[in-house]
Amino acid sequence: MTSTIWWTIAGATVVTALIKGFGPVVMGGRELSPRINGVIMLMAPALLAALVVTSILAEGDRLHVGADFVGVVVGGALMIWARAGVLTAVLVAAGVTAAIRFFG
């Protein structure tokens, strides 16, 4: 690997450590308000949802609806409406995606 990659990894490590240390240093042991704490608790699921949507709907620089999109929709529908477990939803979604790719 080139040294540019290692410098990038080192820089990302330092920036991550600074960001993670910023909150405790600034807050000094004080508690956050419940409203701010609620926003912080919802940031990770929102980021995950954005990454999933971007991953399944983007193909290069354009929108694309394909087998993976249909699989995610089927898995989500199973979990929301049919109250299926996560493992069941993932297995069915993978099966639907594989079937669409095989037959389509």
N, C-alpha and C. Protein backbone atom coordinates (compact mmCIF):
# COMPACT_ATOMS: atom_id res chain seq x y z
N MET A 1 0.84 -1.18 0.00
CA MET A 1 0.00 0.00 0.00
C MET A 1 0.88 1.24 0.00
N THR A 2 0.32 2.28 -0.54
CA THR A 2 1.08 3.52 -0.60
C THR A 2 1.01 4.24 0.73
N SER A 3 1.93 5.17 0.91
CA SER A 3 1.96 5.94 2.15
C SER A 3 0.75 6.87 2.26
N THR A 4 0.16 7.26 1.13
CA THR A 4 -1.02 8.13 1.17
C THR A 4 -2.17 7.45 1.89
N ILE A 5 -2.35 6.17 1.66
CA ILE A 5 -3.42 5.43 2.33
C ILE A 5 -3.19 5.41 3.84
N TRP A 6 -1.95 5.17 4.25
CA TRP A 6 -1.65 5.11 5.69
C TRP A 6 -1.80 6.48 6.33
N TRP A 7 -1.42 7.54 5.64
CA TRP A 7 -1.62 8.89 6.20
C TRP A 7 -3.11 9.20 6.31
N THR A 8 -3.89 8.73 5.37
CA THR A 8 -5.34 8.93 5.43
C THR A 8 -5.94 8.19 6.62
N ILE A 9 -5.51 6.94 6.83
CA ILE A 9 -5.99 6.16 7.97
C ILE A 9 -5.57 6.81 9.28
N ALA A 10 -4.33 7.27 9.36
CA ALA A 10 -3.86 7.93 10.58
C ALA A 10 -4.63 9.23 10.83
N GLY A 11 -4.87 10.00 9.79
CA GLY A 11 -5.64 11.24 9.95
C GLY A 11 -7.06 10.97 10.40
N ALA A 12 -7.70 9.96 9.81
CA ALA A 12 -9.06 9.61 10.21
C ALA A 12 -9.11 9.14 11.65
N THR A 13 -8.08 8.42 12.09
CA THR A 13 -8.01 7.95 13.47
C THR A 13 -7.90 9.12 14.44
N VAL A 14 -7.04 10.07 14.12
CA VAL A 14 -6.86 11.24 14.99
C VAL A 14 -8.13 12.08 15.05
N VAL A 15 -8.75 12.32 13.91
CA VAL A 15 -9.97 13.12 13.87
C VAL A 15 -11.09 12.42 14.64
N THR A 16 -11.21 11.11 14.50
CA THR A 16 -12.22 10.36 15.24
C THR A 16 -12.00 10.47 16.74
N ALA A 17 -10.76 10.34 17.18
CA ALA A 17 -10.45 10.46 18.61
C ALA A 17 -10.77 11.86 19.12
N LEU A 18 -10.46 12.88 18.34
CA LEU A 18 -10.77 14.25 18.75
C LEU A 18 -12.27 14.48 18.86
N ILE A 19 -13.01 13.97 17.89
CA ILE A 19 -14.47 14.13 17.92
C ILE A 19 -15.08 13.42 19.12
N LYS A 20 -14.61 12.19 19.40
CA LYS A 20 -15.16 11.45 20.52
C LYS A 20 -14.78 12.08 21.85
N GLY A 21 -13.66 12.72 21.93
CA GLY A 21 -13.24 13.37 23.17
C GLY A 21 -13.80 14.76 23.37
N PHE A 22 -14.33 15.35 22.31
CA PHE A 22 -14.83 16.72 22.36
C PHE A 22 -16.02 16.86 23.32
N GLY A 23 -16.97 15.94 23.26
CA GLY A 23 -18.17 16.01 24.09
C GLY A 23 -17.88 15.98 25.58
N PRO A 24 -17.15 14.98 26.07
CA PRO A 24 -16.86 14.95 27.51
C PRO A 24 -16.05 16.15 27.99
N VAL A 25 -15.14 16.64 27.17
CA VAL A 25 -14.33 17.80 27.58
C VAL A 25 -15.21 19.04 27.70
N VAL A 26 -16.07 19.26 26.70
CA VAL A 26 -16.92 20.44 26.71
C VAL A 26 -17.98 20.37 27.80
N MET A 27 -18.60 19.20 27.98
CA MET A 27 -19.68 19.07 28.95
C MET A 27 -19.18 19.03 30.39
N GLY A 28 -17.99 18.55 30.62
CA GLY A 28 -17.42 18.55 31.96
C GLY A 28 -18.22 17.76 32.98
N GLY A 29 -18.83 16.66 32.61
CA GLY A 29 -19.55 15.82 33.55
C GLY A 29 -21.01 16.20 33.74
N ARG A 30 -21.48 17.27 33.10
CA ARG A 30 -22.89 17.66 33.22
C ARG A 30 -23.76 16.75 32.36
N GLU A 31 -24.99 16.61 32.75
CA GLU A 31 -25.95 15.80 32.00
C GLU A 31 -26.55 16.61 30.86
N LEU A 32 -26.83 15.94 29.76
CA LEU A 32 -27.52 16.58 28.65
C LEU A 32 -29.01 16.64 28.93
N SER A 33 -29.67 17.59 28.31
CA SER A 33 -31.12 17.66 28.47
C SER A 33 -31.75 16.46 27.77
N PRO A 34 -32.92 16.03 28.22
CA PRO A 34 -33.57 14.87 27.59
C PRO A 34 -33.84 15.08 26.10
N ARG A 35 -34.13 16.30 25.71
CA ARG A 35 -34.41 16.57 24.30
C ARG A 35 -33.16 16.36 23.43
N ILE A 36 -32.03 16.89 23.88
CA ILE A 36 -30.77 16.71 23.13
C ILE A 36 -30.36 15.25 23.15
N ASN A 37 -30.53 14.60 24.28
CA ASN A 37 -30.19 13.18 24.38
C ASN A 37 -31.04 12.35 23.42
N GLY A 38 -32.31 12.72 23.25
CA GLY A 38 -33.18 12.02 22.30
C GLY A 38 -32.72 12.19 20.87
N VAL A 39 -32.26 13.39 20.54
CA VAL A 39 -31.75 13.64 19.18
C VAL A 39 -30.49 12.81 18.94
N ILE A 40 -29.61 12.78 19.91
CA ILE A 40 -28.37 12.01 19.76
C ILE A 40 -28.68 10.52 19.62
N MET A 41 -29.67 10.03 20.36
CA MET A 41 -30.02 8.61 20.28
C MET A 41 -30.58 8.25 18.90
N LEU A 42 -31.19 9.20 18.20
CA LEU A 42 -31.78 8.91 16.89
C LEU A 42 -30.81 9.13 15.73
N MET A 43 -29.63 9.64 16.00
CA MET A 43 -28.68 9.92 14.91
C MET A 43 -28.15 8.64 14.27
N ALA A 44 -27.82 7.63 15.05
CA ALA A 44 -27.27 6.39 14.49
C ALA A 44 -28.30 5.66 13.61
N PRO A 45 -29.55 5.48 14.06
CA PRO A 45 -30.52 4.84 13.17
C PRO A 45 -30.79 5.65 11.90
N ALA A 46 -30.79 6.98 12.02
CA ALA A 46 -31.03 7.81 10.83
C ALA A 46 -29.88 7.66 9.84
N LEU A 47 -28.64 7.62 10.34
CA LEU A 47 -27.49 7.44 9.47
C LEU A 47 -27.51 6.06 8.81
N LEU A 48 -27.85 5.05 9.59
CA LEU A 48 -27.95 3.69 9.02
C LEU A 48 -29.01 3.62 7.94
N ALA A 49 -30.18 4.23 8.19
CA ALA A 49 -31.24 4.24 7.19
C ALA A 49 -30.79 4.96 5.92
N ALA A 50 -30.10 6.07 6.07
CA ALA A 50 -29.61 6.81 4.90
C ALA A 50 -28.61 5.99 4.10
N LEU A 51 -27.74 5.27 4.80
CA LEU A 51 -26.76 4.43 4.10
C LEU A 51 -27.44 3.28 3.37
N VAL A 52 -28.45 2.68 3.99
CA VAL A 52 -29.16 1.58 3.34
C VAL A 52 -29.90 2.07 2.11
N VAL A 53 -30.61 3.19 2.24
CA VAL A 53 -31.36 3.73 1.10
C VAL A 53 -30.42 4.10 -0.04
N THR A 54 -29.31 4.74 0.29
CA THR A 54 -28.34 5.11 -0.73
C THR A 54 -27.76 3.87 -1.40
N SER A 55 -27.50 2.86 -0.61
CA SER A 55 -26.91 1.64 -1.15
C SER A 55 -27.85 0.90 -2.08
N ILE A 56 -29.14 0.86 -1.74
CA ILE A 56 -30.05 0.06 -2.57
C ILE A 56 -30.65 0.84 -3.72
N LEU A 57 -30.61 2.16 -3.67
CA LEU A 57 -31.24 2.94 -4.74
C LEU A 57 -30.26 3.61 -5.69
N ALA A 58 -28.99 3.59 -5.40
CA ALA A 58 -28.03 4.29 -6.24
C ALA A 58 -27.23 3.29 -7.08
N GLU A 59 -27.12 3.61 -8.34
CA GLU A 59 -26.23 2.88 -9.23
C GLU A 59 -25.43 3.92 -9.98
N GLY A 60 -24.23 4.14 -9.52
CA GLY A 60 -23.44 5.23 -10.08
C GLY A 60 -24.02 6.56 -9.66
N ASP A 61 -24.36 7.37 -10.64
CA ASP A 61 -24.90 8.70 -10.34
C ASP A 61 -26.39 8.81 -10.65
N ARG A 62 -27.09 7.67 -10.70
CA ARG A 62 -28.52 7.72 -10.99
C ARG A 62 -29.27 6.76 -10.09
N LEU A 63 -30.57 6.97 -9.99
CA LEU A 63 -31.42 6.09 -9.19
C LEU A 63 -31.65 4.79 -9.94
N HIS A 64 -31.74 3.71 -9.18
CA HIS A 64 -31.94 2.39 -9.78
C HIS A 64 -32.76 1.53 -8.81
N VAL A 65 -33.85 0.99 -9.29
CA VAL A 65 -34.65 0.06 -8.48
C VAL A 65 -34.39 -1.33 -9.03
N GLY A 66 -33.82 -2.17 -8.20
CA GLY A 66 -33.47 -3.51 -8.65
C GLY A 66 -33.89 -4.56 -7.66
N ALA A 67 -33.29 -5.72 -7.77
CA ALA A 67 -33.63 -6.85 -6.92
C ALA A 67 -33.33 -6.57 -5.45
N ASP A 68 -32.23 -5.89 -5.18
CA ASP A 68 -31.88 -5.60 -3.79
C ASP A 68 -32.91 -4.68 -3.13
N PHE A 69 -33.44 -3.74 -3.88
CA PHE A 69 -34.49 -2.86 -3.36
C PHE A 69 -35.73 -3.66 -3.00
N VAL A 70 -36.13 -4.55 -3.88
CA VAL A 70 -37.31 -5.37 -3.63
C VAL A 70 -37.09 -6.26 -2.40
N GLY A 71 -35.90 -6.82 -2.26
CA GLY A 71 -35.60 -7.64 -1.09
C GLY A 71 -35.68 -6.87 0.21
N VAL A 72 -35.16 -5.65 0.22
CA VAL A 72 -35.23 -4.82 1.43
C VAL A 72 -36.68 -4.47 1.76
N VAL A 73 -37.45 -4.15 0.74
CA VAL A 73 -38.87 -3.81 0.96
C VAL A 73 -39.62 -5.03 1.53
N VAL A 74 -39.38 -6.20 0.97
CA VAL A 74 -40.04 -7.42 1.46
C VAL A 74 -39.62 -7.71 2.90
N GLY A 75 -38.34 -7.60 3.19
CA GLY A 75 -37.87 -7.83 4.56
C GLY A 75 -38.46 -6.82 5.54
N GLY A 76 -38.49 -5.56 5.15
CA GLY A 76 -39.09 -4.54 6.01
C GLY A 76 -40.57 -4.77 6.23
N ALA A 77 -41.27 -5.15 5.17
CA ALA A 77 -42.71 -5.43 5.29
C ALA A 77 -42.96 -6.61 6.23
N LEU A 78 -42.14 -7.63 6.13
CA LEU A 78 -42.29 -8.77 7.04
C LEU A 78 -42.11 -8.36 8.49
N MET A 79 -41.12 -7.53 8.74
CA MET A 79 -40.87 -7.11 10.12
C MET A 79 -41.95 -6.18 10.64
N ILE A 80 -42.43 -5.28 9.79
CA ILE A 80 -43.40 -4.28 10.26
C ILE A 80 -44.80 -4.86 10.34
N TRP A 81 -45.28 -5.44 9.25
CA TRP A 81 -46.68 -5.86 9.20
C TRP A 81 -46.89 -7.30 9.67
N ALA A 82 -45.97 -8.18 9.36
CA ALA A 82 -46.16 -9.58 9.74
C ALA A 82 -45.51 -9.89 11.09
N ARG A 83 -44.84 -8.93 11.69
CA ARG A 83 -44.17 -9.09 12.98
C ARG A 83 -43.19 -10.28 12.98
N ALA A 84 -42.54 -10.46 11.83
CA ALA A 84 -41.56 -11.54 11.72
C ALA A 84 -40.28 -11.13 12.45
N GLY A 85 -39.51 -12.11 12.84
CA GLY A 85 -38.23 -11.84 13.49
C GLY A 85 -37.20 -11.35 12.47
N VAL A 86 -36.12 -10.81 12.99
CA VAL A 86 -35.08 -10.26 12.13
C VAL A 86 -34.48 -11.35 11.25
N LEU A 87 -34.18 -12.49 11.83
CA LEU A 87 -33.56 -13.58 11.06
C LEU A 87 -34.48 -14.04 9.94
N THR A 88 -35.75 -14.20 10.24
CA THR A 88 -36.72 -14.60 9.21
C THR A 88 -36.79 -13.57 8.10
N ALA A 89 -36.87 -12.30 8.48
CA ALA A 89 -36.97 -11.23 7.47
C ALA A 89 -35.72 -11.18 6.60
N VAL A 90 -34.55 -11.34 7.18
CA VAL A 90 -33.31 -11.31 6.41
C VAL A 90 -33.23 -12.50 5.46
N LEU A 91 -33.59 -13.68 5.95
CA LEU A 91 -33.54 -14.86 5.09
C LEU A 91 -34.53 -14.76 3.93
N VAL A 92 -35.75 -14.30 4.21
CA VAL A 92 -36.74 -14.15 3.14
C VAL A 92 -36.29 -13.07 2.15
N ALA A 93 -35.77 -11.95 2.67
CA ALA A 93 -35.30 -10.87 1.79
C ALA A 93 -34.17 -11.36 0.89
N ALA A 94 -33.24 -12.13 1.46
CA ALA A 94 -32.14 -12.68 0.66
C ALA A 94 -32.67 -13.65 -0.38
N GLY A 95 -33.65 -14.47 0.00
CA GLY A 95 -34.23 -15.41 -0.96
C GLY A 95 -34.97 -14.70 -2.09
N VAL A 96 -35.72 -13.67 -1.76
CA VAL A 96 -36.44 -12.90 -2.78
C VAL A 96 -35.45 -12.23 -3.73
N THR A 97 -34.41 -11.63 -3.16
CA THR A 97 -33.40 -10.96 -3.99
C THR A 97 -32.72 -11.96 -4.92
N ALA A 98 -32.34 -13.12 -4.37
CA ALA A 98 -31.68 -14.15 -5.19
C ALA A 98 -32.61 -14.67 -6.28
N ALA A 99 -33.89 -14.86 -5.96
CA ALA A 99 -34.84 -15.35 -6.96
C ALA A 99 -35.04 -14.34 -8.08
N ILE A 100 -35.15 -13.08 -7.72
CA ILE A 100 -35.32 -12.04 -8.76
C ILE A 100 -34.09 -11.98 -9.65
N ARG A 101 -32.91 -12.05 -9.05
CA ARG A 101 -31.69 -12.00 -9.87
C ARG A 101 -31.56 -13.24 -10.74
N PHE A 102 -31.98 -14.39 -10.23
CA PHE A 102 -31.87 -15.63 -11.00
C PHE A 102 -32.85 -15.66 -12.17
N PHE A 103 -34.10 -15.30 -11.89
CA PHE A 103 -35.14 -15.38 -12.93
C PHE A 103 -35.25 -14.12 -13.76
N GLY A 104 -34.71 -13.01 -13.24
CA GLY A 104 -34.87 -11.73 -13.96
C GLY A 104 -33.72 -11.46 -14.79
